[in-house]
Protein backbone atom coordinates (compact mmCIF):
# COMPACT_ATOMS: atom_id res chain seq x y z
CA MET A 1 120.95 83.85 62.36
CA ASP A 2 119.57 81.66 65.10
CA GLU A 3 118.53 84.17 67.77
CA GLY A 4 119.18 81.58 70.46
CA SER A 5 122.85 81.50 69.46
CA LEU A 6 123.18 85.13 70.56
CA ILE A 7 123.16 84.16 74.23
CA GLY A 8 126.65 84.63 75.62
CA ARG A 9 127.82 86.78 72.72
CA SER A 10 129.32 90.23 73.10
CA LEU A 11 128.04 93.28 71.23
CA ASP A 12 130.98 95.48 70.20
CA GLY A 13 132.74 94.52 73.39
CA ARG A 14 130.20 96.62 75.26
CA TYR A 15 127.40 94.25 76.25
CA ARG A 16 127.15 90.52 76.86
CA LEU A 17 123.76 88.94 76.19
CA LEU A 18 122.72 86.74 79.12
CA GLU A 19 119.17 85.60 78.38
CA ARG A 20 116.15 86.48 76.27
CA ILE A 21 113.38 88.05 78.33
CA GLY A 22 110.96 89.33 75.71
CA ASP A 23 109.99 89.38 72.06
CA GLY A 24 108.27 92.28 70.33
CA GLY A 25 107.19 93.20 66.85
CA MET A 26 110.42 95.02 66.00
CA GLY A 27 112.95 93.14 68.07
CA GLN A 28 113.87 90.88 70.93
CA VAL A 29 114.74 91.99 74.44
CA PHE A 30 117.65 90.45 76.34
CA ARG A 31 118.96 90.72 79.85
CA ALA A 32 122.53 91.85 79.28
CA GLU A 33 125.61 92.95 81.18
CA GLN A 34 127.30 96.27 80.47
CA LEU A 35 130.92 95.07 80.41
CA ALA A 36 132.50 98.38 81.42
CA THR A 37 130.44 98.70 84.60
CA GLY A 38 129.02 95.25 85.31
CA ARG A 39 125.57 96.84 85.27
CA THR A 40 122.58 94.73 84.24
CA VAL A 41 120.53 96.27 81.43
CA ALA A 42 117.62 95.37 79.19
CA LEU A 43 118.85 95.37 75.62
CA LYS A 44 116.41 95.53 72.72
CA LEU A 45 117.92 94.23 69.47
CA LEU A 46 116.20 94.89 66.15
CA HIS A 47 115.15 91.74 64.28
CA SER A 48 117.64 90.93 61.54
CA GLN A 49 114.94 90.83 58.84
CA PHE A 50 114.17 94.51 59.48
CA THR A 51 117.70 95.88 59.06
CA GLY A 52 116.94 97.02 55.53
CA VAL A 53 113.39 98.24 56.14
CA ALA A 54 113.69 102.02 56.34
CA GLU A 55 110.42 102.65 58.17
CA VAL A 56 111.09 100.05 60.88
CA VAL A 57 114.61 101.40 61.38
CA GLN A 58 113.18 104.90 61.70
CA ARG A 59 110.71 103.74 64.32
CA PHE A 60 113.44 102.00 66.29
CA GLU A 61 115.51 105.17 66.17
CA ARG A 62 112.39 107.10 67.16
CA GLU A 63 112.07 105.12 70.38
CA ALA A 64 115.74 105.75 71.17
CA LYS A 65 115.38 109.46 70.49
CA VAL A 66 112.22 109.83 72.57
CA THR A 67 113.38 107.86 75.61
CA THR A 68 116.79 109.57 75.56
CA HIS A 69 115.12 112.97 75.93
CA LEU A 70 112.55 111.88 78.50
CA SER A 71 113.73 111.98 82.10
CA HIS A 72 111.01 111.03 84.55
CA PRO A 73 110.92 108.61 87.51
CA HIS A 74 108.02 106.71 85.91
CA ILE A 75 109.50 106.38 82.40
CA VAL A 76 112.13 103.76 81.56
CA LYS A 77 115.63 105.25 81.19
CA THR A 78 117.75 104.78 78.07
CA VAL A 79 121.39 103.82 78.67
CA GLU A 80 122.76 103.72 75.12
CA PHE A 81 121.76 103.46 71.47
CA GLY A 82 124.04 101.84 68.89
CA LYS A 83 124.54 99.42 66.01
CA TRP A 84 126.08 95.95 65.94
CA GLU A 85 126.68 93.97 62.74
CA GLY A 86 124.14 96.17 60.94
CA ARG A 87 121.47 95.71 63.63
CA LEU A 88 120.33 98.53 65.86
CA TYR A 89 120.17 98.02 69.60
CA LEU A 90 118.80 100.02 72.48
CA ALA A 91 120.12 99.47 76.02
CA MET A 92 117.72 100.51 78.81
CA GLU A 93 117.58 100.21 82.58
CA PHE A 94 116.73 96.69 83.67
CA LEU A 95 113.45 96.45 85.59
CA ALA A 96 113.12 93.41 87.83
CA GLY A 97 109.34 93.30 87.93
CA GLN A 98 106.35 92.20 85.90
CA SER A 99 104.07 93.91 83.46
CA LEU A 100 100.59 95.09 84.35
CA ALA A 101 99.36 92.56 81.77
CA ALA A 102 100.93 89.75 83.81
CA LEU A 103 99.36 91.13 86.99
CA LEU A 104 95.94 91.26 85.34
CA ASP A 105 96.32 87.67 84.11
CA ALA A 106 97.25 86.56 87.62
CA THR A 107 94.32 88.46 89.14
CA SER A 108 91.74 87.15 86.66
CA GLY A 109 92.85 83.62 87.47
CA LYS A 110 91.82 83.95 91.12
CA ASN A 111 88.13 83.05 90.89
CA GLY A 112 87.44 85.95 88.56
CA GLN A 113 88.72 88.56 91.00
CA ARG A 114 89.43 92.10 89.82
CA MET A 115 91.78 94.74 91.07
CA THR A 116 90.58 96.97 93.88
CA ILE A 117 90.09 100.69 93.34
CA LYS A 118 92.97 101.43 95.71
CA ARG A 119 95.33 99.14 93.79
CA THR A 120 94.13 100.48 90.47
CA ILE A 121 94.83 104.08 91.45
CA ALA A 122 98.22 103.15 92.94
CA ILE A 123 99.28 101.83 89.52
CA MET A 124 97.55 104.29 87.20
CA ARG A 125 98.43 107.49 89.05
CA PRO A 126 102.17 107.19 88.22
CA VAL A 127 101.27 106.32 84.61
CA LEU A 128 99.24 109.53 84.36
CA GLU A 129 102.07 111.51 85.95
CA ALA A 130 104.45 110.13 83.32
CA LEU A 131 101.99 110.99 80.55
CA GLU A 132 101.53 114.51 81.91
CA TYR A 133 105.29 114.98 81.67
CA ALA A 134 105.60 113.42 78.20
CA HIS A 135 102.61 115.33 76.82
CA GLY A 136 104.13 118.55 78.12
CA LEU A 137 107.11 117.87 75.84
CA GLY A 138 104.88 117.16 72.85
CA VAL A 139 105.21 113.36 73.03
CA VAL A 140 102.09 111.23 72.49
CA HIS A 141 102.66 107.55 73.31
CA ARG A 142 99.95 106.06 71.04
CA ASP A 143 100.41 102.47 72.25
CA LEU A 144 99.36 102.48 75.89
CA LYS A 145 98.42 99.01 77.12
CA PRO A 146 99.12 96.81 80.17
CA ASP A 147 102.12 95.22 78.41
CA ASN A 148 103.81 98.63 78.38
CA VAL A 149 103.35 99.32 82.09
CA MET A 150 105.95 97.70 84.34
CA VAL A 151 105.35 97.16 88.06
CA VAL A 152 108.56 96.84 90.08
CA ALA A 153 108.36 95.78 93.73
CA GLY A 154 109.94 98.13 96.24
CA ARG A 155 113.15 97.15 97.98
CA GLY A 156 112.83 97.13 101.73
CA ILE A 157 109.95 96.77 104.17
CA PHE A 158 108.58 100.28 103.75
CA ALA A 159 109.58 100.86 100.10
CA ARG A 160 106.81 101.45 97.60
CA GLU A 161 106.56 99.66 94.30
CA CYS A 162 107.73 101.57 91.26
CA ILE A 163 105.68 101.99 88.08
CA LYS A 164 107.46 102.50 84.76
CA LEU A 165 106.03 103.36 81.34
CA LEU A 166 107.72 101.54 78.43
CA ASP A 167 107.89 101.30 74.65
CA PHE A 168 107.74 104.64 72.86
CA GLY A 169 108.35 102.92 69.53
CA ILE A 170 105.36 104.53 67.79
CA ALA A 171 105.30 107.71 69.85
CA LYS A 172 104.39 110.94 68.12
CA LEU A 173 106.82 113.85 68.47
CA GLY A 174 104.70 116.89 67.67
CA ASP A 175 104.58 116.93 63.88
CA ASP A 176 106.08 113.71 62.51
CA ALA A 177 109.41 114.26 60.82
CA PRO A 178 109.60 113.45 57.08
CA VAL A 179 111.31 110.21 56.11
CA GLN A 180 112.67 109.89 52.56
CA GLY A 181 110.34 112.58 51.28
CA ARG A 182 107.24 111.44 53.14
CA LYS A 183 105.91 111.54 56.65
CA LEU A 184 106.56 108.62 58.95
CA THR A 185 102.90 108.63 59.95
CA GLN A 186 100.41 109.01 57.13
CA ALA A 187 96.67 109.60 57.22
CA GLY A 188 94.85 106.29 57.11
CA MET A 189 97.71 104.33 58.72
CA LEU A 190 96.68 102.40 61.83
CA LEU A 191 99.14 102.51 64.71
CA GLY A 192 98.63 100.87 68.08
CA THR A 193 97.04 97.78 69.61
CA PRO A 194 93.38 97.25 68.57
CA GLY A 195 92.07 96.48 72.07
CA TYR A 196 93.31 99.84 73.40
CA MET A 197 93.07 102.15 70.39
CA SER A 198 91.01 105.31 70.43
CA PRO A 199 88.23 105.81 67.86
CA GLU A 200 90.37 108.32 65.97
CA GLN A 201 93.26 105.84 65.83
CA ALA A 202 90.86 103.11 64.68
CA THR A 203 89.79 105.27 61.73
CA GLY A 204 93.32 106.39 60.82
CA LYS A 205 92.90 109.97 62.02
CA PRO A 206 95.65 111.94 63.81
CA ALA A 207 96.00 111.14 67.51
CA ASP A 208 96.78 113.67 70.23
CA VAL A 209 97.09 113.50 74.02
CA ARG A 210 93.37 112.72 74.35
CA SER A 211 93.95 109.51 72.44
CA ASP A 212 96.37 108.40 75.17
CA LEU A 213 93.71 109.25 77.76
CA TYR A 214 91.20 107.04 75.94
CA SER A 215 93.68 104.17 76.16
CA CYS A 216 94.04 104.90 79.88
CA GLY A 217 90.26 104.62 80.15
CA VAL A 218 90.42 101.17 78.55
CA ILE A 219 93.14 100.09 81.00
CA LEU A 220 91.18 101.43 83.99
CA TYR A 221 88.06 99.59 82.77
CA GLU A 222 90.02 96.35 82.40
CA MET A 223 91.61 96.62 85.85
CA LEU A 224 88.28 97.14 87.59
CA ALA A 225 86.05 94.91 85.44
CA GLY A 226 88.48 92.09 84.71
CA ARG A 227 87.90 92.50 80.97
CA ARG A 228 88.32 95.14 78.28
CA PRO A 229 85.27 97.20 77.26
CA PHE A 230 85.34 95.74 73.74
CA GLU A 231 86.21 92.14 72.90
CA ALA A 232 85.57 90.25 69.68
CA ASP A 233 87.00 87.48 67.49
CA SER A 234 88.79 89.82 65.08
CA SER A 235 90.73 93.08 65.27
CA VAL A 236 88.43 94.64 62.69
CA GLU A 237 85.38 93.97 64.89
CA ILE A 238 87.14 95.44 67.92
CA LEU A 239 88.11 98.59 66.02
CA ALA A 240 84.51 98.99 64.82
CA MET A 241 83.28 98.70 68.42
CA HIS A 242 85.67 101.44 69.56
CA VAL A 243 84.10 103.70 66.95
CA ASN A 244 80.41 102.81 67.26
CA VAL A 245 79.56 100.85 70.43
CA LYS A 246 78.95 102.25 73.90
CA PRO A 247 80.86 100.36 76.63
CA ARG A 248 78.84 98.19 78.96
CA SER A 249 78.31 99.68 82.41
CA LEU A 250 81.08 98.80 84.85
CA ARG A 251 78.66 98.66 87.75
CA GLU A 252 76.46 96.28 85.77
CA ILE A 253 79.41 93.92 85.37
CA THR A 254 80.78 94.14 88.90
CA GLY A 255 77.68 94.97 90.95
CA ASP A 256 76.64 98.42 92.16
CA ALA A 257 78.49 98.11 95.47
CA SER A 258 81.84 97.26 93.87
CA ILE A 259 82.56 100.50 92.05
CA PRO A 260 81.36 103.94 93.20
CA ALA A 261 79.31 105.83 90.63
CA PRO A 262 81.89 108.69 90.37
CA VAL A 263 84.62 106.23 89.41
CA GLU A 264 82.48 104.74 86.67
CA GLU A 265 81.50 108.20 85.43
CA LEU A 266 85.10 109.32 84.99
CA ILE A 267 86.07 106.10 83.19
CA MET A 268 83.11 106.44 80.83
CA ARG A 269 84.12 110.02 80.18
CA ALA A 270 87.66 108.89 79.35
CA LEU A 271 86.06 106.43 76.88
CA ALA A 272 83.98 109.08 75.12
CA LYS A 273 83.94 108.67 71.34
CA ARG A 274 84.63 112.36 70.67
CA PRO A 275 88.00 113.68 71.95
CA ALA A 276 86.28 116.94 72.98
CA ASP A 277 84.08 115.00 75.42
CA ARG A 278 87.00 113.34 77.20
CA PHE A 279 89.41 114.70 79.77
CA GLN A 280 91.65 117.19 78.02
CA SER A 281 94.87 116.41 79.88
CA ALA A 282 96.48 113.63 81.89
CA ARG A 283 96.45 115.94 84.90
CA ASP A 284 92.67 116.36 84.62
CA LEU A 285 92.16 112.60 84.57
CA ARG A 286 94.58 112.04 87.45
CA GLU A 287 92.90 114.67 89.63
CA ALA A 288 89.44 113.33 88.77
CA LEU A 289 90.56 109.83 89.73
CA ASP A 290 91.85 111.08 93.08
CA SER A 291 88.68 113.08 93.69
CA ALA A 292 86.40 110.19 92.79
CA ALA A 293 88.24 107.85 95.11
CA ASN A 294 88.08 110.39 97.95
CA GLY A 295 84.48 111.43 97.29
CA ARG A 296 85.21 115.08 96.46
CA LYS A 297 83.31 117.19 93.94
CA GLN A 298 85.10 117.67 90.62
CA ARG A 299 84.65 120.64 88.33
CA ALA A 300 85.30 120.06 84.65
CA VAL A 301 85.01 121.78 81.28
CA ILE A 302 83.21 119.77 78.62
CA SER A 303 82.89 121.31 75.16
CA GLY A 304 83.64 124.73 76.63
CA ILE A 305 81.03 124.50 79.43
CA GLU A 306 82.08 124.24 83.07
CA THR A 307 80.07 121.64 84.93
CA THR A 308 80.07 119.42 87.99
CA VAL A 309 81.05 115.89 87.06
CA PHE A 310 80.13 114.30 90.36
CA ALA A 311 79.57 114.98 94.06
CA THR A 312 79.47 112.18 96.61
CA PRO A 313 79.72 112.12 100.39
CA VAL A 314 82.80 110.92 102.16
CA ALA A 315 82.16 107.80 104.23
CA PRO A 316 81.88 108.59 107.96
CA ARG A 317 84.79 107.76 110.19
CA SER A 318 84.69 104.38 111.83
CA ARG A 319 84.24 103.95 115.57
CA SER A 320 87.72 102.48 115.92
CA ARG A 321 89.30 105.65 114.52
CA SER A 322 87.22 107.93 116.74
CA ARG A 323 88.43 106.19 119.90
CA TRP A 324 92.11 107.03 119.54
CA LEU A 325 92.07 109.51 122.44
CA PRO A 326 91.41 107.10 125.34
CA ALA A 327 93.97 104.69 123.93
CA ALA A 328 96.55 107.48 123.83
CA ILE A 329 95.80 108.46 127.46
CA ILE A 330 96.09 104.86 128.63
CA LEU A 331 99.44 104.47 126.90
CA ALA A 332 100.65 107.73 128.43
CA ALA A 333 99.54 106.59 131.89
CA MET A 334 101.37 103.30 131.49
CA ALA A 335 104.51 105.18 130.54
CA LEU A 336 104.17 107.41 133.60
CA LEU A 337 103.73 104.39 135.85
CA ILE A 338 106.86 102.87 134.40
CA VAL A 339 109.01 105.97 134.99
CA GLY A 340 107.48 106.49 138.45
CA HIS A 341 105.67 109.78 137.82
CA LEU A 342 102.22 108.43 138.66
CA SER A 343 101.50 107.02 142.09
CA PRO A 344 98.92 104.27 142.71
CA ALA A 345 96.86 106.84 144.63
CA GLY A 346 96.35 108.77 141.42
CA LEU A 347 94.73 105.84 139.57
CA PRO A 348 91.10 106.69 140.58
CA ASN A 349 91.57 110.20 139.18
CA LEU A 350 93.08 108.71 136.03
CA ARG A 351 90.00 106.52 135.60
CA ARG A 352 87.78 109.63 135.71
CA ILE A 353 89.93 111.28 133.04
CA ILE A 354 89.70 108.24 130.76
CA SER A 355 85.94 107.95 131.31
CA ALA A 356 85.47 111.60 130.33
CA ALA A 357 87.57 111.10 127.19
CA ILE A 358 85.70 107.93 126.22
CA GLY A 359 82.36 109.66 126.65
CA ASP A 360 83.52 112.48 124.39
CA ALA A 361 84.89 110.05 121.80
CA ASP A 362 81.58 108.16 121.76
CA ARG A 363 79.88 111.42 120.76
CA SER A 364 82.28 112.02 117.85
CA PRO A 365 81.26 111.61 114.15
CA GLY A 366 80.64 107.99 113.23
CA ARG A 367 78.61 107.24 116.41
CA GLY A 368 75.16 108.66 116.50
CA ALA A 369 75.83 111.40 113.97
CA SER A 370 72.73 112.96 112.51
CA PRO A 371 71.75 112.23 108.89
CA ALA A 372 73.47 114.18 106.14
CA GLU A 373 71.90 117.52 105.30
CA PRO A 374 71.88 119.11 101.84
CA THR A 375 74.17 122.12 101.36
CA ARG A 376 73.76 125.11 99.10
CA ASP A 377 75.27 123.54 96.00
CA GLY A 378 73.31 120.31 96.31
CA GLU A 379 76.04 118.16 97.84
CA ARG A 380 75.35 115.96 100.81
CA SER A 381 77.19 116.99 103.96
CA THR A 382 78.65 114.10 105.94
CA LEU A 383 79.00 116.13 109.12
CA GLY A 384 75.29 116.86 109.56
CA GLY A 385 74.61 118.12 113.06
CA ALA A 386 77.54 116.26 114.58
CA GLN A 387 80.54 118.04 116.01
CA HIS A 388 83.57 118.42 113.70
CA PRO A 389 86.27 115.80 114.45
CA ALA A 390 88.93 118.42 115.26
CA SER A 391 86.55 120.21 117.61
CA SER A 392 85.67 116.91 119.30
CA LYS A 393 89.32 116.13 119.93
CA ARG A 394 89.99 119.58 121.38
CA THR A 395 86.98 119.20 123.70
CA GLY A 396 88.18 115.81 124.91
CA LEU A 397 91.65 117.16 125.64
CA LYS A 398 90.20 120.16 127.48
CA LYS A 399 88.09 117.87 129.69
CA ALA A 400 91.12 115.69 130.39
CA ARG A 401 93.19 118.69 131.43
CA THR A 402 90.38 120.04 133.66
CA ALA A 403 89.94 116.71 135.41
CA SER A 404 93.70 116.49 135.87
CA LYS A 405 93.89 119.89 137.54
CA ARG A 406 91.03 119.01 139.91
CA SER A 407 92.57 115.69 140.86
CA GLY A 408 96.15 116.88 141.15
CA SER A 409 97.34 113.64 139.54
CA GLY A 410 100.27 115.37 137.89
CA ILE A 411 99.44 114.32 134.31
C-alpha cells in the first residue's frame, strides 16, 4: 500500500489521518483526529511489511504496554492501542514542539554555538525526573537520544516549556518476557542507537538503569560541546570507541571558561566505562547536575566508597543585586509623595536615610569583600571576612529606621 494514500483515511471509524509527521524503524507517525472527541493525536502505525514479523509486533506491543502504565508529566501519554486491517497502531498525545535533535541542529548552525549550561539543565532535568520515575517501576528505556526528547513551548507569557520523553519501543521491563519460547532480548543482541549506546549495550550485555545514565551523559556532552563524544564513519567504529576510548575533555573543546570543572567531572563520570563507576540512579545524576551548576559540594559513593566529587565556590553577588535597598526606599518615598504622606520638608531627612542605606549596601558582599578563606573541609568560602548578605540587609534597615525616628519624617 502506498503510505501516502493513507492521508484522509479513517481507521475503524475512530481516527482520521491528517498528515505524516514522522517515520521510524517500526512505523510511521501521523497527525490524526480522534473522531469521537475532535482531539488531535499522534498516531504511530506499524509498517505493513512488519505485520507478520512476531518480534517487531511484540516490540510495538511492548511500547504500548509500557507507555500505558507510565503516568508522568514528562513522559508522553498513550491514548489508545488497537489494530486496523492487520496493522497495529498506537495513538498518543500530540506534542506541538520539536525534538531536542532539531534544537541541536539549529544551535550548531549558528556559527558553531552550543547550548548554555542553564538551557542544558532546563531540558535534561525533566528527562532525569522522568527516568527516575520509570526506573522506579523497573522500566529501562535503552534508546535515549535527542530524537526521543520533545521540547514543547509553553502557552502564555509566563508558561514554561514542557519536556517529554518518547519512544519506549525497546524498553526493558524488569526481566524480559518470553516470546514463543524464547526471550525477546537475548544475550549478544544489540539494541539502541550506536552514537548513544553504553559500553555494555555495545557488547551485547544486559543493560540496567546505569546504561540509561550513560546515554544521558552522551546527550549532556553533545549539548554542551556541540558534538557527541564519539564520532566515526561506521557504527562498528563508534561502538568500539564507546567500549575502549576515553572521551575528549569538554573544556578542551569549548575552552576552560565555557564549562565549569564540576560540570565536566559529572559528565565524565556519567560516561564511565564501568557501570559501577557511574552515577547509580537518575536522582543522583540530577542532584549532581544541580549542585555543579550552583557550585555546591556533592557527596557520592563510588565502588562502595563515599567521596567528595567536587567543591567549588559560588560566584559573589553582583553590585547591582546588592543595591536593591536604596532603590526600594526611593520607590517607597515616591509612593508616599504621591499619596501625600511625605511633605517636601521631609526630603532632606529622606536623603540622609538613602545615603545611609547606600553606604551600607556598598559594604555588602560583592564590593570590597575580602578574599576567600579555606574552611575545615578544604572548600573555599565565598563570604571571607565580609558581612553575610542577610545581616547586611538587617543593618541597613535598622539604620534607616533610626534615621527616620530622629528626623520625624513619618516613614
